[in-house]
Protein backbone atom coordinates (compact mmCIF):
# COMPACT_ATOMS: atom_id res chain seq x y z
CA MET A 1 69.69 102.60 87.92
CA ASN A 2 73.59 102.82 87.75
CA ILE A 3 75.23 105.69 89.66
CA ASP A 4 78.75 107.10 88.13
CA TYR A 5 80.52 107.51 91.42
CA GLU A 6 83.80 108.67 89.91
CA ASN A 7 81.90 111.57 87.82
CA LEU A 8 79.64 113.20 90.88
CA SER A 9 79.43 116.59 91.08
CA PRO A 10 81.18 118.58 93.77
CA GLU A 11 77.86 119.70 94.93
CA MET A 12 76.34 116.09 95.16
CA ILE A 13 79.32 115.31 97.11
CA GLN A 14 78.61 118.26 99.21
CA LEU A 15 75.20 117.40 99.79
CA VAL A 16 75.92 113.71 101.03
CA ALA A 17 78.56 114.82 103.27
CA ALA A 18 76.19 117.38 104.76
CA VAL A 19 73.35 114.67 105.12
CA PHE A 20 75.91 112.47 106.78
CA LEU A 21 77.12 114.99 109.10
CA ILE A 22 73.52 116.34 110.14
CA ARG A 23 72.57 112.32 110.71
CA LEU A 24 75.70 111.99 112.89
CA ILE A 25 75.04 115.30 115.01
CA ILE A 26 71.41 113.68 115.49
CA TRP A 27 72.79 110.44 116.65
CA LEU A 28 74.83 112.21 119.19
CA PHE A 29 72.24 114.25 120.75
CA TYR A 30 70.23 110.88 120.85
CA ALA A 31 72.92 109.11 122.40
CA ASN A 32 73.51 111.75 124.83
CA THR A 33 69.99 111.75 126.12
CA VAL A 34 70.31 107.89 126.62
CA ARG A 35 73.39 108.26 128.53
CA LYS A 36 71.84 111.09 130.85
CA THR A 37 69.18 108.62 131.49
CA LEU A 38 71.13 105.73 132.34
CA MET A 39 73.49 108.08 134.54
CA LEU A 40 70.15 108.84 136.73
CA ILE A 41 69.68 105.23 136.96
CA SER A 42 71.57 103.69 140.22
CA PRO A 43 74.66 101.43 138.88
CA GLU A 44 73.38 98.09 140.65
CA ASN A 45 70.05 98.76 138.43
CA ARG A 46 72.03 99.30 135.01
CA LEU A 47 72.75 96.58 132.76
CA ILE A 48 74.48 98.70 130.42
CA THR A 49 76.80 101.83 131.39
CA PRO A 50 76.12 105.53 130.60
CA ASN A 51 79.36 105.87 128.41
CA GLN A 52 78.02 102.81 125.94
CA ALA A 53 75.36 104.98 124.66
CA TRP A 54 77.78 106.99 122.60
CA LEU A 55 78.07 103.56 120.40
CA LEU A 56 74.53 104.71 119.34
CA ALA A 57 76.54 107.13 117.05
CA ILE A 58 78.84 104.78 115.11
CA PRO A 59 77.40 104.26 111.51
CA LEU A 60 76.51 100.71 110.64
CA PHE A 61 77.31 99.42 114.37
CA ASN A 62 74.48 101.09 115.29
CA ILE A 63 72.21 98.94 113.27
CA TYR A 64 73.10 95.95 116.12
CA TRP A 65 73.37 98.27 118.96
CA ASN A 66 70.22 99.68 118.78
CA PHE A 67 68.69 96.39 119.78
CA VAL A 68 71.09 96.09 122.61
CA VAL A 69 70.10 99.30 124.00
CA ALA A 70 66.11 98.84 123.59
CA ALA A 71 66.62 96.02 125.57
CA ARG A 72 68.84 97.04 128.29
CA VAL A 73 67.67 100.48 128.84
CA ALA A 74 64.08 99.22 129.32
CA ASP A 75 65.40 96.41 131.91
CA SER A 76 67.59 99.03 133.75
CA LEU A 77 64.56 101.26 133.81
CA THR A 78 62.29 98.49 135.06
CA ASN A 79 65.14 97.23 137.71
CA GLU A 80 65.22 101.33 138.91
CA PHE A 81 61.61 101.84 138.78
CA TYR A 82 61.03 98.86 141.01
CA ASP A 83 63.60 99.79 143.56
CA ARG A 84 62.10 103.56 143.64
CA LYS A 85 58.50 102.19 143.81
CA ILE A 86 57.52 104.05 140.87
CA ALA A 87 54.55 102.80 138.98
CA GLU A 88 55.29 102.63 135.20
CA GLU A 89 54.55 100.56 132.13
CA GLU A 90 56.00 97.03 132.06
CA ASP A 91 59.59 96.99 130.06
CA PRO A 92 59.38 100.67 129.75
CA GLY A 93 60.06 101.94 126.06
CA ARG A 94 61.19 98.15 124.90
CA MET A 95 58.50 97.83 122.29
CA ALA A 96 59.10 101.38 120.86
CA GLY A 97 62.95 100.97 120.86
CA MET A 98 62.33 97.58 119.30
CA TRP A 99 60.28 98.71 116.56
CA TYR A 100 62.82 101.71 115.67
CA ALA A 101 65.76 98.95 115.74
CA TRP A 102 63.83 96.57 113.52
CA LEU A 103 62.87 99.54 111.26
CA PHE A 104 66.06 100.83 111.20
CA LEU A 105 67.74 97.41 110.44
CA LEU A 106 65.29 97.28 107.28
CA SER A 107 65.81 100.86 106.16
CA ASN A 108 69.74 99.86 105.67
CA ILE A 109 68.79 96.64 103.39
CA PRO A 110 68.78 97.55 99.75
CA LEU A 111 65.32 97.27 98.73
CA PRO A 112 63.07 98.77 96.18
CA ALA A 113 63.05 102.68 96.78
CA PHE A 114 59.01 102.82 97.29
CA ILE A 115 59.50 100.21 100.16
CA LEU A 116 62.82 102.09 101.56
CA ILE A 117 61.06 105.34 101.74
CA THR A 118 58.01 104.05 103.49
CA ILE A 119 60.44 102.14 105.78
CA GLY A 120 62.46 105.19 106.29
CA LEU A 121 59.50 107.06 107.24
CA LEU A 122 58.32 104.75 109.81
CA SER A 123 61.77 104.47 111.05
CA PHE A 124 61.88 108.10 111.57
CA VAL A 125 58.69 108.06 113.30
CA TYR A 126 59.67 105.52 115.77
CA PHE A 127 63.12 106.90 116.36
CA ILE A 128 61.47 110.37 117.34
CA GLY A 129 58.87 108.32 119.45
CA TYR A 130 61.49 106.34 121.47
CA TRP A 131 63.96 109.29 121.83
CA VAL A 132 60.78 111.25 123.48
CA LYS A 133 59.94 108.29 125.57
CA VAL A 134 63.42 107.78 127.10
CA ASN A 135 63.65 111.60 127.75
CA ASN A 136 60.29 111.16 129.53
CA PHE A 137 61.75 108.43 131.49
CA ARG A 138 64.84 110.60 132.18
CA ASN A 139 62.67 113.57 133.40
CA LEU A 140 60.43 111.25 135.63
CA LEU A 141 63.61 109.88 137.34
CA ALA A 142 65.13 113.49 137.68
CA GLU A 143 61.86 114.73 139.47
CA HIS A 144 61.71 111.73 141.57
CA GLU A 145 65.31 112.34 142.82
CA LYS A 146 64.43 116.31 143.32
CA PHE A 147 61.30 115.02 145.15
CA LYS A 148 63.24 112.90 147.56
CA LYS A 149 65.94 115.43 148.19
CA ASN A 150 63.04 118.05 149.22
CA GLN A 151 61.44 115.50 151.49
CA ARG A 152 64.91 114.75 153.43
CA ASP A 153 65.47 118.54 153.76
């Protein structure tokens, strides 16, 4: 199937632009969740700075950066949970993040449509799952800070 890019209708161009814009906005919200989580981790425990989370919103570069984030956020959380003496899973969120990173990588490789649709759906499911997991860790760290603050008062 060949696509005639020169004769695309204005509606089709608008649809593609809208989908790209919506996807970018979702990536920005996701990056902000990762950034907020990293901000709750003490600087000595971080293996990635909070502002580096914004790199997740750069199309194509984020294919690589998802792997970096999954590994470094998991290691940063492990360090922070150890210092705060919070019992949590080993390598928090690493597997979900890596699954998402691999599926996102595969979804960007030209493959037959039925395979891309399957991988795309799986990628979306793991993306939401990882995002929720990171947000839950952020909430856990925030609650722990509130608890510590109330104990000091």
